[in-house]
Amino acid sequence: MDIKNIATLGQLKKSGYKSKTVKEEIRRNLITKLKQKETSFNGIIGYEDSVIPDTERALLSKHNILFLGLRGQAKTRMARMMTGLMDEYIPFVSGSELNDDPLNPISKYAKLLIAEKGDDTPIEWLHRSERYGEKLATPDVSVADLIGDIDPIKAANLKLSFADEGVIHYGIIPRSNRGIFVINEIPDLQARIQVSLFNILEEGDIQIRGFKLRMPLDILFVFTANPEDYTNRGSIVTPLKDRIESQILTHYPKTLETSLAITEQEAAIHEEQKDIVNVSDLVKRLIEQVAFEARSNEYVDKKSGVSARLTISAFENAVSAAERRAIVNGDAKTQVWISDLTGIIPSITGKIELVYEGEQEGPYQVAMNLLDKALRSQFVQFFPNPESFKKRRGTGKESMKEKEEDPYKPITRWFDAGNTLDIFFNVTDKDKIARLYKVDGLHSLVKKYFPKANELQAALLMEFVLHGLAAYSLISKKVIDNKVEFKDLIGSMMNMGPTSFGQEEDFDFDS
């Protein structure tokens, strides 16, 4: 029999339906998933050997849970995905504000209705997606918001005494009965409000004004908190923390591959953008590396953290930067160039909190430095470390063979001869490639290490080499207005000519 055809209490009893608490329900369904080797938290990447097993153990123990971690660590998403472990539908007394179990009613309304109609009591079915409540803890949250209060208008309309339970307006927690309730950023909740949760967590009942209510609410509580909150904005009062049985520590992606997979899954790239813009693995890695650099950077506040949303937003902006350039130039296809990564700066500056020294440096400069550090870190994953050749040159005792082994010498020599290369942000791919080929030894270097690269891939790697050499202080790089200027290192320090202040040099693309 289809459960949705069961419409009365009598039919429910005949069906053999057995009531379960929400924690028991989740426990049983989780056990089934584990036995069948199914994933309990689909789409959560990087927590397979840490947070997810901890959460599964807590749910098997029927614990309330506190997720403790920095921002952007999928704490709320983990909580929301727990609804998938509940039964698809459960019955409740029709018209009940508290989703009363027809077999175990707790509200005065449901008890009176069942006493009046018996087996003819109408019931409805509640989908698991409707069994989730969530509240962001803010200083203005009141006990009435969470638990409830006396409603004088309701008392007047129903002509009830203030001593009658029927005048109570229930808060969001009682209305989440038989479901999951989440309080995000629990330390932001005032201490006196946290105290109001004691009885609910320990005894399962609620207290409203002077009413002697004994309502055994059936709720799985999930709390989230940022460690920074404990010192900067508030704290979880000790008795409340003691009542939360499992505290689970979340974390950022531990590897670049994990971070890449998260961004790939979460980035909202329009289908039109996918048709126009190609994004190489190199560019993707550079974007992810920015977040890794930020999390260890001296100018970035480590207590605040660097959210995974940084790389997601940066990836979207990088694609949009390439798309905009293609639209402006009338190109049907393009790729994200290294120079396009200047377009991710707004995604960085908005996602990092700076310490005092960082504020003095300025958000823009810190973001640019992070991008340069990412270029430096990733460069040695593709090409030989320039530092090894710099050390050899510094001794003054290198042999002719060692000099010839320096693969970057032809490139640096070209710049040392007084040549300058400007990479404009909005030029066509054809013009950019033509400019890159002007640098002696650049193409041959790329072909030496990446012989199978096609023209566009090789050109991207050529541009990458220039940025990498600048990151290792072998050549100079300046971002000026609408271009990136590369020149020799010594000349850039000695010569403050017109080009240094933004005047552009003319190049003959046909030569």
Protein backbone atom coordinates (compact mmCIF):
# COMPACT_ATOMS: atom_id res chain seq x y z
CA MET A 1 0.00 0.00 0.00
CA ASP A 2 1.29 3.47 -0.93
CA ILE A 3 1.91 5.33 2.30
CA LYS A 4 0.44 8.49 0.81
CA ASN A 5 -2.93 6.69 0.65
CA ILE A 6 -2.87 6.33 4.43
CA ALA A 7 -4.91 9.32 5.56
CA THR A 8 -6.15 8.45 9.07
CA LEU A 9 -4.69 7.25 12.34
CA GLY A 10 -6.62 3.99 12.08
CA GLN A 11 -5.17 3.21 8.65
CA LEU A 12 -1.69 3.99 9.97
CA LYS A 13 -2.11 1.52 12.85
CA LYS A 14 -3.34 -1.21 10.48
CA SER A 15 -0.33 -0.66 8.19
CA GLY A 16 2.00 -1.77 10.97
CA TYR A 17 3.93 1.50 10.94
CA LYS A 18 6.45 1.76 13.78
CA SER A 19 7.56 5.12 15.14
CA LYS A 20 11.28 5.90 15.40
CA THR A 21 13.12 8.89 16.80
CA VAL A 22 14.95 10.99 14.24
CA LYS A 23 18.33 9.87 15.60
CA GLU A 24 17.31 6.22 15.42
CA GLU A 25 15.96 6.78 11.93
CA ILE A 26 19.24 8.33 10.75
CA ARG A 27 21.25 5.60 12.47
CA ARG A 28 19.34 2.79 10.72
CA ASN A 29 19.54 4.41 7.30
CA LEU A 30 23.26 5.12 7.76
CA ILE A 31 23.89 1.48 8.68
CA THR A 32 22.13 0.45 5.47
CA LYS A 33 24.30 2.77 3.40
CA LEU A 34 27.48 1.55 5.06
CA LYS A 35 26.55 -2.08 4.44
CA GLN A 36 25.84 -1.34 0.79
CA LYS A 37 29.13 0.63 0.43
CA GLU A 38 27.19 3.77 -0.51
CA THR A 39 28.49 7.29 0.09
CA SER A 40 26.64 8.97 2.94
CA PHE A 41 27.70 12.52 2.01
CA ASN A 42 27.78 12.85 -1.77
CA GLY A 43 29.74 15.78 -3.17
CA ILE A 44 31.85 16.36 -0.06
CA ILE A 45 35.45 16.15 -1.29
CA GLY A 46 38.54 15.81 0.89
CA TYR A 47 36.76 14.59 4.03
CA GLU A 48 36.66 10.89 3.10
CA ASP A 49 39.25 9.89 5.71
CA SER A 50 38.62 12.52 8.36
CA VAL A 51 35.39 14.49 8.84
CA ILE A 52 32.98 12.03 7.20
CA PRO A 53 34.05 9.00 9.32
CA ASP A 54 33.91 11.20 12.45
CA THR A 55 30.40 12.34 11.52
CA GLU A 56 29.24 8.79 10.77
CA ARG A 57 30.50 7.62 14.16
CA ALA A 58 28.65 10.47 15.87
CA LEU A 59 25.42 9.65 14.06
CA LEU A 60 25.74 5.96 14.89
CA SER A 61 26.11 7.05 18.53
CA LYS A 62 22.98 9.22 18.17
CA HIS A 63 24.95 12.32 19.20
CA ASN A 64 24.26 15.99 18.75
CA ILE A 65 27.17 17.45 16.77
CA LEU A 66 29.37 20.55 16.79
CA PHE A 67 31.35 21.21 13.58
CA LEU A 68 34.34 23.36 14.53
CA GLY A 69 36.42 24.91 11.75
CA LEU A 70 37.36 28.00 9.78
CA ARG A 71 35.09 29.58 7.19
CA GLY A 72 34.49 27.83 3.90
CA GLN A 73 35.01 24.30 5.23
CA ALA A 74 31.58 22.88 4.26
CA LYS A 75 30.27 22.77 7.84
CA THR A 76 26.73 23.84 6.95
CA ARG A 77 26.72 21.67 3.82
CA MET A 78 27.55 18.62 5.93
CA ALA A 79 24.59 19.42 8.18
CA ARG A 80 22.19 19.96 5.29
CA MET A 81 23.18 16.68 3.67
CA MET A 82 22.14 14.74 6.78
CA THR A 83 18.53 15.05 5.58
CA GLY A 84 19.41 12.41 3.00
CA LEU A 85 19.82 9.90 5.84
CA MET A 86 16.23 10.33 7.04
CA ASP A 87 13.21 8.35 5.83
CA GLU A 88 11.68 9.88 2.72
CA TYR A 89 8.30 10.47 4.39
CA ILE A 90 6.97 10.36 7.96
CA PRO A 91 3.33 10.72 9.14
CA PHE A 92 2.19 13.62 11.30
CA VAL A 93 -1.10 14.80 12.76
CA SER A 94 -2.77 17.05 10.22
CA GLY A 95 -2.63 20.72 11.28
CA SER A 96 0.02 20.19 13.95
CA GLU A 97 2.60 22.94 14.31
CA LEU A 98 5.07 20.52 15.90
CA ASN A 99 4.84 17.70 13.33
CA ASP A 100 3.29 15.47 16.02
CA ASP A 101 3.80 11.74 15.61
CA PRO A 102 0.25 10.31 15.40
CA LEU A 103 1.32 7.39 17.58
CA ASN A 104 3.14 9.57 20.16
CA PRO A 105 1.62 13.09 20.18
CA ILE A 106 3.26 15.74 22.37
CA SER A 107 1.29 18.95 21.73
CA LYS A 108 -2.02 19.84 23.34
CA TYR A 109 -3.54 20.34 19.89
CA ALA A 110 -2.68 16.82 18.70
CA LYS A 111 -3.69 15.14 21.93
CA LEU A 112 -7.12 16.84 21.94
CA LEU A 113 -7.67 16.04 18.25
CA ILE A 114 -6.86 12.36 18.74
CA ALA A 115 -9.02 12.23 21.87
CA GLU A 116 -11.91 13.69 19.86
CA LYS A 117 -11.60 11.73 16.59
CA GLY A 118 -9.75 8.59 17.58
CA ASP A 119 -8.83 6.43 14.59
CA ASP A 120 -10.46 8.97 12.28
CA THR A 121 -7.78 11.55 13.14
CA PRO A 122 -6.51 12.89 9.82
CA ILE A 123 -2.79 12.52 9.12
CA GLU A 124 -0.45 13.87 6.47
CA TRP A 125 3.01 12.89 5.24
CA LEU A 126 6.07 15.09 5.67
CA HIS A 127 8.98 14.85 3.20
CA ARG A 128 12.51 14.75 4.61
CA SER A 129 13.37 18.01 2.81
CA GLU A 130 10.85 19.76 5.08
CA ARG A 131 12.34 18.32 8.25
CA TYR A 132 15.28 20.69 8.41
CA GLY A 133 15.53 23.94 10.34
CA GLU A 134 18.43 26.38 10.34
CA LYS A 135 19.21 29.59 12.18
CA LEU A 136 22.21 31.88 11.90
CA ALA A 137 23.20 32.96 15.40
CA THR A 138 23.27 36.73 15.68
CA PRO A 139 23.28 38.95 18.78
CA ASP A 140 19.64 39.91 18.20
CA VAL A 141 18.29 36.35 18.30
CA SER A 142 15.88 35.96 21.21
CA VAL A 143 14.53 33.08 23.25
CA ALA A 144 11.16 33.73 21.61
CA ASP A 145 12.72 33.21 18.16
CA LEU A 146 14.20 29.86 19.13
CA ILE A 147 11.83 28.44 21.76
CA GLY A 148 8.63 30.48 21.70
CA ASP A 149 6.56 32.98 23.66
CA ILE A 150 3.01 33.92 24.64
CA ASP A 151 1.03 35.35 21.73
CA PRO A 152 -1.51 37.89 23.09
CA ILE A 153 -3.20 38.30 19.70
CA LYS A 154 -3.74 34.55 19.52
CA ALA A 155 -5.16 34.58 23.06
CA ALA A 156 -7.58 37.39 22.16
CA ASN A 157 -8.75 35.79 18.91
CA LEU A 158 -9.31 32.39 20.50
CA LYS A 159 -10.65 33.93 23.74
CA LEU A 160 -8.14 31.95 25.79
CA SER A 161 -6.58 32.69 29.16
CA PHE A 162 -2.86 33.47 29.26
CA ALA A 163 -2.59 30.33 31.43
CA ASP A 164 -3.79 28.16 28.51
CA GLU A 165 -1.13 26.32 26.51
CA GLY A 166 -3.01 27.24 23.36
CA VAL A 167 -1.74 30.85 23.53
CA ILE A 168 1.86 29.79 22.96
CA HIS A 169 3.54 30.76 19.71
CA TYR A 170 6.23 28.15 19.18
CA GLY A 171 9.70 29.13 18.00
CA ILE A 172 11.76 27.56 15.25
CA ILE A 173 13.18 24.75 17.42
CA PRO A 174 9.83 23.19 18.47
CA ARG A 175 8.64 23.59 14.89
CA SER A 176 11.65 21.47 13.84
CA ASN A 177 10.42 18.57 15.98
CA ARG A 178 11.20 15.17 14.41
CA GLY A 179 13.88 16.74 12.23
CA ILE A 180 17.34 18.31 12.15
CA PHE A 181 17.95 21.76 13.55
CA VAL A 182 21.16 23.68 12.87
CA ILE A 183 22.50 26.77 14.64
CA ASN A 184 25.31 28.32 12.64
CA GLU A 185 28.07 30.30 14.39
CA ILE A 186 26.83 29.32 17.85
CA PRO A 187 29.41 31.51 19.72
CA ASP A 188 27.64 34.59 18.32
CA LEU A 189 24.56 33.65 20.32
CA GLN A 190 24.31 35.57 23.58
CA ALA A 191 25.16 33.49 26.66
CA ARG A 192 21.66 33.87 28.15
CA ILE A 193 20.16 32.53 24.91
CA GLN A 194 22.55 29.57 24.92
CA VAL A 195 21.36 28.78 28.45
CA SER A 196 17.82 28.35 27.10
CA LEU A 197 19.05 25.35 25.11
CA PHE A 198 20.26 23.38 28.15
CA ASN A 199 17.00 21.58 28.89
CA ILE A 200 16.28 20.81 25.25
CA LEU A 201 19.64 19.08 24.79
CA GLU A 202 19.67 17.22 28.12
CA GLU A 203 16.04 16.50 29.05
CA GLY A 204 14.43 17.13 25.66
CA ASP A 205 11.84 19.55 26.97
CA ILE A 206 11.24 23.30 26.59
CA GLN A 207 10.44 26.12 29.00
CA ILE A 208 8.29 29.08 27.91
CA ARG A 209 7.48 31.82 30.38
CA GLY A 210 5.59 30.30 33.33
CA PHE A 211 4.29 27.20 31.56
CA LYS A 212 5.20 23.83 33.00
CA LEU A 213 5.73 22.19 29.64
CA ARG A 214 7.21 18.74 29.35
CA MET A 215 7.53 18.26 25.64
CA PRO A 216 10.08 15.59 24.75
CA LEU A 217 11.17 17.17 21.49
CA ASP A 218 12.71 14.76 18.99
CA ILE A 219 15.51 16.71 17.28
CA LEU A 220 19.05 16.11 16.04
CA PHE A 221 20.97 19.28 16.85
CA VAL A 222 23.93 20.35 14.73
CA PHE A 223 25.99 23.41 15.67
CA THR A 224 28.76 25.11 13.70
CA ALA A 225 31.47 27.40 15.02
CA ASN A 226 34.63 29.13 13.89
CA PRO A 227 37.59 28.87 16.32
CA GLU A 228 38.14 32.60 15.81
CA ASP A 229 34.74 33.25 17.40
CA TYR A 230 35.90 31.99 20.76
CA THR A 231 38.14 35.02 21.23
CA ASN A 232 36.86 37.71 18.90
CA ARG A 233 33.11 37.65 19.30
CA GLY A 234 32.01 35.26 21.97
CA SER A 235 32.18 31.68 23.17
CA ILE A 236 30.11 28.58 23.70
CA VAL A 237 29.15 28.50 27.37
CA THR A 238 30.74 25.49 29.03
CA PRO A 239 27.53 23.69 30.16
CA LEU A 240 26.14 23.89 26.62
CA LYS A 241 29.36 22.61 25.07
CA ASP A 242 29.32 19.76 27.59
CA ARG A 243 25.87 18.75 26.38
CA ILE A 244 27.00 18.49 22.72
CA GLU A 245 28.28 14.93 22.60
CA SER A 246 30.56 15.07 19.52
CA GLN A 247 32.83 17.92 18.43
CA ILE A 248 34.19 17.37 14.92
CA LEU A 249 37.09 19.38 13.53
CA THR A 250 36.86 20.37 9.87
CA HIS A 251 39.79 21.43 7.69
CA TYR A 252 40.82 22.88 4.33
CA PRO A 253 41.86 20.65 1.39
CA LYS A 254 45.13 18.96 2.21
CA THR A 255 46.30 18.53 -1.39
CA LEU A 256 46.14 20.57 -4.56
CA GLU A 257 44.31 17.73 -6.32
CA THR A 258 41.55 17.81 -3.72
CA SER A 259 41.26 21.58 -4.07
CA LEU A 260 41.09 21.23 -7.87
CA ALA A 261 38.25 18.71 -7.59
CA ILE A 262 36.27 20.99 -5.26
CA THR A 263 36.60 23.99 -7.57
CA GLU A 264 35.72 21.88 -10.61
CA GLN A 265 32.55 20.72 -8.85
CA GLU A 266 31.47 24.06 -7.40
CA ALA A 267 32.42 26.68 -10.02
CA ALA A 268 29.40 28.00 -11.93
CA ILE A 269 30.68 28.19 -15.50
CA HIS A 270 28.06 29.08 -18.13
CA GLU A 271 27.70 26.73 -21.07
CA GLU A 272 28.54 29.59 -23.45
CA GLN A 273 31.78 30.16 -21.56
CA LYS A 274 32.68 26.49 -21.86
CA ASP A 275 32.25 26.75 -25.65
CA ILE A 276 34.46 29.82 -25.93
CA VAL A 277 37.13 29.46 -23.25
CA ASN A 278 39.59 26.65 -22.68
CA VAL A 279 41.20 26.43 -19.26
CA SER A 280 44.46 24.49 -19.05
CA ASP A 281 45.49 22.35 -16.12
CA LEU A 282 48.37 24.78 -15.58
CA VAL A 283 46.03 27.73 -15.03
CA LYS A 284 43.78 25.69 -12.75
CA ARG A 285 46.76 24.75 -10.61
CA LEU A 286 47.96 28.33 -10.39
CA ILE A 287 44.56 29.45 -9.12
CA GLU A 288 44.45 26.73 -6.47
CA GLN A 289 48.02 27.50 -5.44
CA VAL A 290 46.96 31.07 -4.60
CA ALA A 291 44.77 29.76 -1.76
CA PHE A 292 47.56 27.52 -0.44
CA GLU A 293 49.95 30.48 -0.47
CA ALA A 294 47.40 32.70 1.29
CA ARG A 295 46.88 30.19 4.11
CA SER A 296 50.56 30.38 5.02
CA ASN A 297 51.22 34.03 4.15
CA GLU A 298 52.50 36.34 6.89
CA TYR A 299 50.16 39.15 5.80
CA VAL A 300 46.99 37.02 5.95
CA ASP A 301 45.17 36.42 9.24
CA LYS A 302 45.42 32.65 9.79
CA LYS A 303 42.74 32.72 12.51
CA SER A 304 40.20 33.92 9.97
CA GLY A 305 41.18 31.34 7.36
CA VAL A 306 41.01 31.38 3.58
CA SER A 307 37.76 29.93 2.29
CA ALA A 308 37.50 27.46 -0.60
CA ARG A 309 35.20 30.10 -2.07
CA LEU A 310 38.33 32.09 -2.97
CA THR A 311 39.44 29.63 -5.63
CA ILE A 312 35.90 29.03 -6.84
CA SER A 313 35.33 32.76 -7.38
CA ALA A 314 38.82 33.19 -8.83
CA PHE A 315 38.26 30.40 -11.34
CA GLU A 316 34.96 31.95 -12.44
CA ASN A 317 36.62 35.36 -12.81
CA ALA A 318 39.53 33.93 -14.81
CA VAL A 319 37.12 32.34 -17.27
CA SER A 320 35.12 35.56 -17.50
CA ALA A 321 38.28 37.59 -18.10
CA ALA A 322 39.14 35.40 -21.08
CA GLU A 323 35.53 35.48 -22.31
CA ARG A 324 35.41 39.28 -22.15
CA ARG A 325 38.65 39.55 -24.10
CA ALA A 326 37.34 37.16 -26.75
CA ILE A 327 34.10 39.13 -27.07
CA VAL A 328 35.93 42.46 -27.35
CA ASN A 329 38.28 41.08 -30.01
CA GLY A 330 35.62 39.14 -31.87
CA ASP A 331 37.40 35.80 -31.29
CA ALA A 332 35.29 32.65 -31.44
CA LYS A 333 37.68 30.68 -29.22
CA THR A 334 40.38 31.52 -26.69
CA GLN A 335 42.13 30.23 -23.61
CA VAL A 336 42.86 31.64 -20.18
CA TRP A 337 46.33 33.19 -20.39
CA ILE A 338 48.57 33.91 -17.43
CA SER A 339 47.93 37.62 -17.96
CA ASP A 340 44.19 36.95 -17.54
CA LEU A 341 44.88 36.02 -13.91
CA THR A 342 45.05 39.71 -13.04
CA GLY A 343 41.27 39.40 -13.33
CA ILE A 344 41.14 37.20 -10.23
CA ILE A 345 42.52 39.92 -7.94
CA PRO A 346 39.00 41.04 -6.82
CA SER A 347 38.29 37.42 -5.84
CA ILE A 348 41.40 37.39 -3.66
CA THR A 349 41.04 40.78 -1.97
CA GLY A 350 37.46 40.02 -0.97
CA LYS A 351 38.25 36.63 0.54
CA ILE A 352 41.24 37.30 2.80
CA GLU A 353 41.51 39.07 6.13
CA LEU A 354 44.81 40.89 6.62
CA VAL A 355 46.89 41.39 9.74
CA TYR A 356 48.17 44.89 10.53
CA GLU A 357 51.26 44.53 8.32
CA GLY A 358 49.07 43.33 5.48
CA GLU A 359 46.79 46.35 5.82
CA GLN A 360 49.87 48.57 5.59
CA GLU A 361 50.95 46.75 2.45
CA GLY A 362 47.47 47.10 0.95
CA PRO A 363 44.98 44.40 -0.18
CA TYR A 364 45.83 44.81 -3.87
CA GLN A 365 49.57 44.45 -3.36
CA VAL A 366 49.10 41.45 -1.06
CA ALA A 367 46.89 39.79 -3.69
CA MET A 368 49.48 40.44 -6.41
CA ASN A 369 52.20 39.02 -4.15
CA LEU A 370 50.14 35.89 -3.56
CA LEU A 371 49.72 35.44 -7.30
CA ASP A 372 53.49 35.82 -7.79
CA LYS A 373 54.17 33.28 -5.04
CA ALA A 374 51.76 30.86 -6.71
CA LEU A 375 53.63 31.31 -10.01
CA ARG A 376 56.93 30.69 -8.25
CA SER A 377 55.67 27.55 -6.47
CA GLN A 378 54.15 26.00 -9.58
CA PHE A 379 56.99 26.96 -11.94
CA VAL A 380 59.32 24.27 -10.60
CA GLN A 381 56.60 21.66 -11.22
CA PHE A 382 56.94 22.31 -14.96
CA PHE A 383 60.49 23.59 -15.52
CA PRO A 384 63.93 23.31 -13.83
CA ASN A 385 64.40 25.37 -10.69
CA PRO A 386 66.08 28.66 -11.70
CA GLU A 387 67.61 28.93 -8.23
CA SER A 388 70.06 26.13 -9.00
CA PHE A 389 71.44 28.02 -11.99
CA LYS A 390 71.55 31.31 -10.09
CA LYS A 391 73.73 29.67 -7.43
CA ARG A 392 76.14 28.38 -10.03
CA ARG A 393 76.50 31.79 -11.61
CA GLY A 394 77.10 33.35 -8.22
CA THR A 395 80.21 31.24 -7.49
CA GLY A 396 82.09 32.52 -10.53
CA LYS A 397 83.69 29.07 -10.91
CA GLU A 398 81.20 27.38 -13.22
CA SER A 399 82.55 25.50 -16.20
CA MET A 400 81.58 26.19 -19.81
CA LYS A 401 79.43 23.06 -19.74
CA GLU A 402 77.53 24.32 -16.68
CA LYS A 403 76.96 27.67 -18.39
CA GLU A 404 75.48 25.89 -21.37
CA GLU A 405 73.24 23.83 -19.09
CA ASP A 406 71.38 26.96 -17.95
CA PRO A 407 68.25 26.70 -20.14
CA TYR A 408 67.17 30.25 -19.27
CA LYS A 409 70.38 31.97 -20.40
CA PRO A 410 69.23 32.77 -23.98
CA ILE A 411 66.06 34.38 -22.60
CA THR A 412 67.74 36.48 -19.93
CA ARG A 413 70.46 37.45 -22.41
CA TRP A 414 67.77 38.80 -24.79
CA PHE A 415 66.44 41.05 -22.02
CA ASP A 416 69.95 41.97 -20.88
CA ALA A 417 70.54 43.34 -24.39
CA GLY A 418 67.97 46.05 -23.64
CA ASN A 419 64.91 44.40 -25.18
CA THR A 420 61.50 44.87 -23.59
CA LEU A 421 58.33 42.83 -24.04
CA ASP A 422 54.85 44.15 -23.33
CA ILE A 423 51.99 41.67 -22.93
CA PHE A 424 48.75 43.59 -23.32
CA PHE A 425 45.67 42.27 -21.55
CA ASN A 426 43.18 42.70 -24.37
CA VAL A 427 45.13 41.68 -27.50
CA THR A 428 44.04 38.79 -29.67
CA ASP A 429 45.61 35.38 -29.22
CA LYS A 430 47.38 35.78 -32.56
CA ASP A 431 48.99 39.08 -31.53
CA LYS A 432 50.02 37.72 -28.14
CA ILE A 433 51.67 34.67 -29.70
CA ALA A 434 53.53 36.91 -32.16
CA ARG A 435 54.91 38.98 -29.30
CA LEU A 436 56.03 35.92 -27.34
CA TYR A 437 57.99 34.60 -30.32
CA LYS A 438 60.12 37.76 -30.28
CA VAL A 439 61.98 36.54 -27.18
CA ASP A 440 65.05 34.53 -28.15
CA GLY A 441 65.14 31.01 -26.77
CA LEU A 442 61.63 31.11 -25.30
CA HIS A 443 59.95 28.78 -27.78
CA SER A 444 62.89 26.37 -27.93
CA LEU A 445 62.89 26.10 -24.12
CA VAL A 446 59.21 25.14 -24.07
CA LYS A 447 59.64 22.64 -26.89
CA LYS A 448 62.58 21.07 -25.09
CA TYR A 449 60.48 20.20 -22.05
CA PHE A 450 57.05 19.92 -23.71
CA PRO A 451 57.69 18.58 -27.23
CA LYS A 452 54.05 17.47 -27.74
CA ALA A 453 52.49 20.86 -26.89
CA ASN A 454 50.40 22.40 -29.68
CA GLU A 455 50.72 26.06 -30.67
CA LEU A 456 48.33 27.48 -28.04
CA GLN A 457 49.68 25.23 -25.26
CA ALA A 458 53.25 26.16 -26.16
CA ALA A 459 52.39 29.87 -26.20
CA LEU A 460 50.78 29.61 -22.76
CA LEU A 461 53.89 27.88 -21.43
CA MET A 462 56.06 30.59 -23.03
CA GLU A 463 54.11 33.25 -21.17
CA PHE A 464 54.34 31.13 -18.01
CA VAL A 465 58.15 31.01 -18.35
CA LEU A 466 58.34 34.81 -18.43
CA HIS A 467 56.21 35.15 -15.30
CA GLY A 468 58.19 32.37 -13.63
CA LEU A 469 61.55 33.98 -14.39
CA ALA A 470 60.23 37.25 -13.01
CA ALA A 471 59.06 35.45 -9.85
CA TYR A 472 62.62 34.13 -9.45
CA SER A 473 64.09 37.62 -10.06
CA LEU A 474 65.86 36.72 -13.31
CA ILE A 475 63.94 39.37 -15.24
CA SER A 476 61.76 42.31 -14.23
CA LYS A 477 57.96 42.35 -14.40
CA LYS A 478 55.68 45.36 -13.93
CA VAL A 479 51.90 45.53 -14.22
CA ILE A 480 51.19 48.93 -15.76
CA ASP A 481 47.67 50.02 -16.73
CA ASN A 482 46.57 47.56 -19.45
CA LYS A 483 49.73 45.51 -19.83
CA VAL A 484 52.48 43.49 -18.20
CA GLU A 485 55.97 44.76 -19.00
CA PHE A 486 58.98 42.42 -18.99
CA LYS A 487 62.54 43.74 -19.16
CA ASP A 488 66.00 43.05 -17.75
CA LEU A 489 66.30 43.20 -13.99
CA ILE A 490 69.20 45.65 -13.70
CA GLY A 491 67.84 47.98 -16.36
CA SER A 492 64.48 48.19 -14.65
CA MET A 493 66.13 49.31 -11.44
CA MET A 494 68.53 51.78 -13.09
CA ASN A 495 66.31 53.16 -15.82
CA MET A 496 63.11 54.93 -14.82
CA GLY A 497 62.28 55.98 -18.36
CA PRO A 498 58.92 56.79 -19.95
CA THR A 499 57.92 53.14 -20.35
CA SER A 500 58.10 52.60 -16.61
CA PHE A 501 55.32 55.14 -16.15
CA GLY A 502 52.89 53.53 -18.53
CA GLN A 503 53.86 54.70 -22.06
CA GLU A 504 53.64 51.82 -24.45
CA GLU A 505 56.30 50.79 -26.93
CA ASP A 506 55.29 50.06 -30.51
CA PHE A 507 55.90 46.63 -31.96
CA ASP A 508 55.78 45.62 -35.59
CA PHE A 509 53.86 42.35 -35.71
CA ASP A 510 54.82 41.78 -39.35
CA SER A 511 58.58 41.91 -38.79
